[in-house]
Protein backbone atom coordinates (compact mmCIF):
# COMPACT_ATOMS: atom_id res chain seq x y z
CA UNK A 1 140.31 38.17 72.17
CA UNK A 2 140.17 34.98 74.22
CA UNK A 3 137.71 32.19 73.40
CA UNK A 4 136.52 29.79 76.12
CA UNK A 5 134.02 26.95 75.74
CA UNK A 6 132.61 24.19 77.88
CA UNK A 7 129.50 22.40 79.14
CA UNK A 8 127.31 22.63 82.21
CA UNK A 9 124.34 20.63 83.45
CA UNK A 10 120.96 21.99 82.48
CA UNK A 11 117.43 20.74 83.07
CA UNK A 12 116.98 16.95 83.21
CA UNK A 13 120.76 16.65 83.68
CA UNK A 14 121.31 17.72 80.06
CA UNK A 15 124.78 18.76 78.89
CA UNK A 16 124.49 22.37 77.74
CA UNK A 17 127.21 23.92 75.59
CA UNK A 18 128.42 27.43 76.29
CA UNK A 19 131.15 29.66 74.94
CA UNK A 20 132.47 33.15 75.51
CA UNK A 21 134.75 35.68 73.87
CA UNK A 22 136.66 37.94 76.26
CA UNK A 23 138.49 41.20 75.57
CA UNK A 24 142.17 41.62 76.43
CA UNK A 25 141.41 43.84 79.41
CA UNK A 26 138.72 43.65 82.09
CA UNK A 27 135.35 43.85 80.32
CA UNK A 28 133.15 46.87 80.84
CA UNK A 29 129.96 44.84 80.47
CA UNK A 30 128.67 41.38 79.60
CA UNK A 31 126.52 40.59 76.55
CA UNK A 32 124.63 37.30 76.68
CA UNK A 33 123.50 36.05 73.27
CA UNK A 34 120.26 34.06 73.28
CA UNK A 35 120.05 32.50 69.82
CA UNK A 36 117.03 31.65 67.71
CA UNK A 37 115.17 28.55 66.62
CA UNK A 38 117.20 25.72 65.01
CA UNK A 39 120.51 27.65 65.08
CA UNK A 40 123.29 28.07 67.65
CA UNK A 41 125.47 30.57 69.51
CA UNK A 42 128.32 30.40 66.98
CA UNK A 43 126.38 32.35 64.34
CA UNK A 44 126.93 35.76 65.95
CA UNK A 45 130.51 36.45 64.93
CA UNK A 46 129.68 39.83 63.37
CA UNK A 47 128.50 40.94 66.80
CA UNK A 48 131.47 39.29 68.55
CA UNK A 49 134.06 40.78 66.19
CA UNK A 50 132.53 44.25 66.51
CA UNK A 51 131.95 44.46 70.27
CA UNK A 52 134.63 42.35 72.00
CA UNK A 53 137.44 44.66 70.77
CA UNK A 54 135.40 47.53 72.25
CA UNK A 55 135.70 45.98 75.71
CA UNK A 56 132.57 43.85 75.96
CA UNK A 57 132.58 40.19 76.98
CA UNK A 58 130.20 38.13 74.83
CA UNK A 59 128.74 34.94 76.25
CA UNK A 60 126.68 32.44 74.28
CA UNK A 61 124.68 29.31 75.04
CA UNK A 62 123.31 26.57 72.78
CA UNK A 63 119.76 25.89 73.92
CA UNK A 64 118.72 22.39 74.85
CA UNK A 65 118.10 20.46 71.60
CA UNK A 66 120.22 22.93 69.61
CA UNK A 67 123.81 23.21 68.38
CA UNK A 68 126.33 21.33 70.51
CA UNK A 69 123.95 20.85 73.44
CA UNK A 70 122.24 17.56 74.22
CA UNK A 71 118.56 16.90 73.69
CA UNK A 72 116.15 15.93 70.94
CA UNK A 73 116.52 18.49 68.16
CA UNK A 74 114.23 21.54 68.45
CA UNK A 75 112.25 19.89 71.25
CA UNK A 76 111.55 20.68 74.89
CA UNK A 77 109.08 19.14 77.31
CA UNK A 78 108.26 22.64 78.57
CA UNK A 79 109.17 26.04 77.12
CA UNK A 80 110.43 27.00 80.59
CA UNK A 81 113.34 24.59 80.11
CA UNK A 82 114.91 27.34 78.01
CA UNK A 83 114.51 30.03 80.66
CA UNK A 84 115.50 27.75 83.57
CA UNK A 85 118.72 26.81 81.77
CA UNK A 86 119.35 30.45 80.94
CA UNK A 87 118.94 31.36 84.62
CA UNK A 88 121.58 28.78 85.55
CA UNK A 89 123.95 30.28 82.98
CA UNK A 90 123.30 33.86 84.11
CA UNK A 91 124.15 32.86 87.67
CA UNK A 92 127.39 31.27 86.41
CA UNK A 93 128.29 34.44 84.51
CA UNK A 94 127.67 36.55 87.62
CA UNK A 95 130.20 34.39 89.42
CA UNK A 96 132.75 34.84 86.64
CA UNK A 97 132.05 38.56 86.11
CA UNK A 98 130.91 39.91 89.49
CA UNK A 99 129.30 43.35 89.54
CA UNK A 100 129.42 43.70 85.75
CA UNK A 101 126.36 45.00 83.86
CA UNK A 102 124.68 42.15 81.98
CA UNK A 103 122.64 42.68 78.82
CA UNK A 104 120.59 40.01 77.09
CA UNK A 105 120.79 39.96 73.29
CA UNK A 106 117.94 37.74 72.15
CA UNK A 107 117.22 36.98 68.50
CA UNK A 108 113.97 35.57 67.07
CA UNK A 109 112.89 32.66 69.33
CA UNK A 110 115.77 33.85 71.52
CA UNK A 111 113.90 37.15 71.73
CA UNK A 112 110.87 35.27 72.99
CA UNK A 113 113.00 33.32 75.49
CA UNK A 114 114.56 36.60 76.62
CA UNK A 115 111.18 38.33 77.01
CA UNK A 116 109.81 35.45 79.11
CA UNK A 117 113.04 35.48 81.13
CA UNK A 118 112.63 39.20 81.79
CA UNK A 119 109.15 38.63 83.17
CA UNK A 120 110.69 36.51 85.93
CA UNK A 121 114.30 37.68 86.33
CA UNK A 122 114.79 41.23 85.03
CA UNK A 123 116.02 42.49 88.39
CA UNK A 124 119.39 40.81 87.84
CA UNK A 125 120.02 42.46 84.47
CA UNK A 126 120.96 45.91 83.24
CA UNK A 127 119.12 45.89 79.92
CA UNK A 128 118.07 43.88 76.88
CA UNK A 129 118.45 44.06 73.12
CA UNK A 130 115.91 42.03 71.17
CA UNK A 131 116.38 41.34 67.46
CA UNK A 132 113.40 40.26 65.37
CA UNK A 133 111.70 38.95 68.52
CA UNK A 134 109.18 36.17 67.93
CA UNK A 135 106.79 37.43 70.59
CA UNK A 136 103.45 37.77 68.78
CA UNK A 137 101.14 34.96 67.73
CA UNK A 138 101.09 35.21 63.91
CA UNK A 139 97.86 36.64 62.50
CA UNK A 140 97.44 33.65 60.17
CA UNK A 141 97.22 31.20 63.07
CA UNK A 142 93.54 30.81 63.99
CA UNK A 143 92.21 29.70 67.38
CA UNK A 144 91.26 26.37 65.76
CA UNK A 145 94.86 25.82 64.62
CA UNK A 146 96.09 26.61 68.13
CA UNK A 147 93.72 23.99 69.56
CA UNK A 148 94.92 21.40 67.03
CA UNK A 149 98.51 22.29 67.90
CA UNK A 150 97.86 21.67 71.58
CA UNK A 151 96.34 18.28 70.78
CA UNK A 152 99.31 17.30 68.61
CA UNK A 153 101.68 18.53 71.32
CA UNK A 154 100.02 16.14 73.77
CA UNK A 155 99.57 13.14 71.47
CA UNK A 156 102.54 13.42 69.09
CA UNK A 157 104.94 15.88 70.76
CA UNK A 158 107.90 15.07 68.49
CA UNK A 159 105.97 15.42 65.24
CA UNK A 160 107.54 17.94 62.87
CA UNK A 161 105.10 20.72 61.97
CA UNK A 162 106.67 23.87 60.54
CA UNK A 163 109.97 24.60 58.77
CA UNK A 164 111.79 27.91 58.54
CA UNK A 165 112.11 29.77 55.25
CA UNK A 166 115.87 29.53 54.71
CA UNK A 167 115.99 32.29 52.07
CA UNK A 168 114.37 34.67 54.54
CA UNK A 169 117.35 34.59 56.89
CA UNK A 170 119.35 37.25 55.02
CA UNK A 171 119.62 39.03 51.67
CA UNK A 172 123.31 38.07 51.70
CA UNK A 173 123.46 34.79 49.76
CA UNK A 174 126.78 33.89 51.41
CA UNK A 175 125.01 34.00 54.78
CA UNK A 176 122.17 31.83 53.46
CA UNK A 177 124.62 29.32 51.98
CA UNK A 178 126.63 29.19 55.20
CA UNK A 179 123.39 28.63 57.10
CA UNK A 180 122.43 25.76 54.80
CA UNK A 181 125.89 24.17 55.03
CA UNK A 182 126.23 24.55 58.81
CA UNK A 183 125.99 21.08 60.40
CA UNK A 184 124.94 22.66 63.71
CA UNK A 185 121.89 24.31 62.13
CA UNK A 186 118.84 22.05 62.22
CA UNK A 187 117.13 21.92 58.81
CA UNK A 188 114.02 19.91 59.77
CA UNK A 189 110.65 21.01 61.05
CA UNK A 190 109.87 22.35 64.51
CA UNK A 191 108.34 19.75 66.81
CA UNK A 192 104.71 20.04 67.88
CA UNK A 193 105.66 20.36 71.55
CA UNK A 194 108.09 23.23 70.94
CA UNK A 195 105.64 25.00 68.61
CA UNK A 196 102.94 24.78 71.31
CA UNK A 197 105.42 25.99 73.91
CA UNK A 198 106.36 28.97 71.77
CA UNK A 199 102.70 29.90 71.31
CA UNK A 200 102.17 29.70 75.06
CA UNK A 201 105.22 31.92 75.57
CA UNK A 202 103.92 34.44 73.04
CA UNK A 203 100.56 34.55 74.78
CA UNK A 204 102.25 35.14 78.13
CA UNK A 205 104.44 37.95 76.77
CA UNK A 206 101.43 39.60 75.09
CA UNK A 207 99.51 39.48 78.38
CA UNK A 208 102.30 40.42 80.78
CA UNK A 209 104.79 42.58 78.84
CA UNK A 210 103.84 45.63 80.90
CA UNK A 211 105.81 44.06 83.76
CA UNK A 212 109.05 44.65 81.83
CA UNK A 213 110.59 47.89 83.05
CA UNK A 214 114.34 47.72 82.38
CA UNK A 215 116.02 49.56 79.47
CA UNK A 216 115.29 47.82 76.17
CA UNK A 217 116.31 48.22 72.55
CA UNK A 218 114.39 46.40 69.81
CA UNK A 219 115.92 46.03 66.34
CA UNK A 220 113.88 44.60 63.49
CA UNK A 221 114.16 44.04 59.77
CA UNK A 222 111.36 45.90 58.02
CA UNK A 223 111.16 43.25 55.28
CA UNK A 224 111.40 40.28 57.68
CA UNK A 225 109.52 37.33 56.16
CA UNK A 226 110.15 34.97 59.11
CA UNK A 227 108.96 37.10 62.03
CA UNK A 228 106.49 39.91 61.40
CA UNK A 229 107.68 43.39 62.38
CA UNK A 230 104.31 43.77 64.10
CA UNK A 231 105.66 41.69 66.97
CA UNK A 232 108.46 44.18 67.58
CA UNK A 233 105.99 47.06 67.52
CA UNK A 234 103.62 45.24 69.85
CA UNK A 235 106.38 44.55 72.36
CA UNK A 236 107.70 48.10 72.19
CA UNK A 237 104.25 49.51 72.91
CA UNK A 238 103.49 46.99 75.65
CA UNK A 239 106.57 47.20 77.89
CA UNK A 240 106.49 49.74 80.70
CA UNK A 241 110.14 50.72 80.37
CA UNK A 242 110.63 54.47 80.52
CA UNK A 243 113.86 53.88 78.60
CA UNK A 244 112.90 52.00 75.44
CA UNK A 245 113.88 52.31 71.79
CA UNK A 246 112.93 50.59 68.56
CA UNK A 247 114.75 50.57 65.24
CA UNK A 248 112.99 49.07 62.22
CA UNK A 249 115.32 48.91 59.23
CA UNK A 250 113.47 49.22 55.91
CA UNK A 251 114.27 46.42 53.46
CA UNK A 252 116.27 44.27 55.89
CA UNK A 253 115.46 40.59 56.41
CA UNK A 254 115.31 38.55 59.61
CA UNK A 255 118.93 38.40 60.80
CA UNK A 256 119.78 42.09 60.98
CA UNK A 257 123.21 41.26 62.45
CA UNK A 258 123.96 39.23 59.28
CA UNK A 259 122.49 41.54 56.65
CA UNK A 260 124.72 43.48 54.19
CA UNK A 261 123.96 46.54 56.35
CA UNK A 262 125.00 44.86 59.61
CA UNK A 263 127.61 47.54 60.31
CA UNK A 264 124.85 50.13 60.55
CA UNK A 265 122.80 47.91 62.89
CA UNK A 266 125.77 47.10 65.10
CA UNK A 267 126.71 50.77 65.24
CA UNK A 268 123.24 51.52 66.64
CA UNK A 269 123.65 48.67 69.13
CA UNK A 270 127.07 49.92 70.17
CA UNK A 271 125.80 53.47 70.75
CA UNK A 272 122.94 52.14 72.87
CA UNK A 273 125.24 49.89 74.89
CA UNK A 274 127.71 52.67 75.52
CA UNK A 275 124.91 54.86 76.84
CA UNK A 276 123.67 52.13 79.19
CA UNK A 277 126.78 50.35 80.42
CA UNK A 278 128.45 53.26 82.19
CA UNK A 279 131.40 53.35 79.75
């Protein structure tokens, strides 16, 4: 496979890092990885190594404030900065791969970004695969906490509020250790402004998900301690797609593509892609 990387200008003239892995021959379809909170596009090599040899081109982007991209870590002025940058990248990919089917593969916060993106831009895509999508306001967050979060977002937008549970990433300790040792993974707490933006995005998806009509596959770890499986079920029930599937894997943690059983998950993904990409 061929690896290409570079930068383009995102919102506020920010340098945004992108990379892609291309098969030897003309790709049958394009997969666009939309990564999760605090991580980066380079953490999806199980997916890359499985699907690029099968003829798929895999494109990745490091969100603003993440990975090799510019910006204050895990911070955005507006949540839409993620989706606006993604739209720029999708348009670039369409220029590089004209007429090719494009599928979003969004994980965790990337699942939320993808869902919000679909509300505005689904017409330009063929389908979406969402992994452990962070699309539902957690049940333990009360309306009072949401109000306080909005106040902190306005007054102290860069204040760190919530950290991720590192051990909940995967049951594979090698994956957890690699995550902890990865200099491109942010280990601090999510900023108040981003947390408020995510909550706003979740509320929008909950209210408007019925507008999503394109083919969609949702994969979710049944023992996910970072994002509740209830979000995946909620999204599956809410979208209007006549072609929708959900796979909840009992016992698996948050990163189903990096679990010991990732071959099984990727096999399900590959079957779904083959059925939807005209291969």
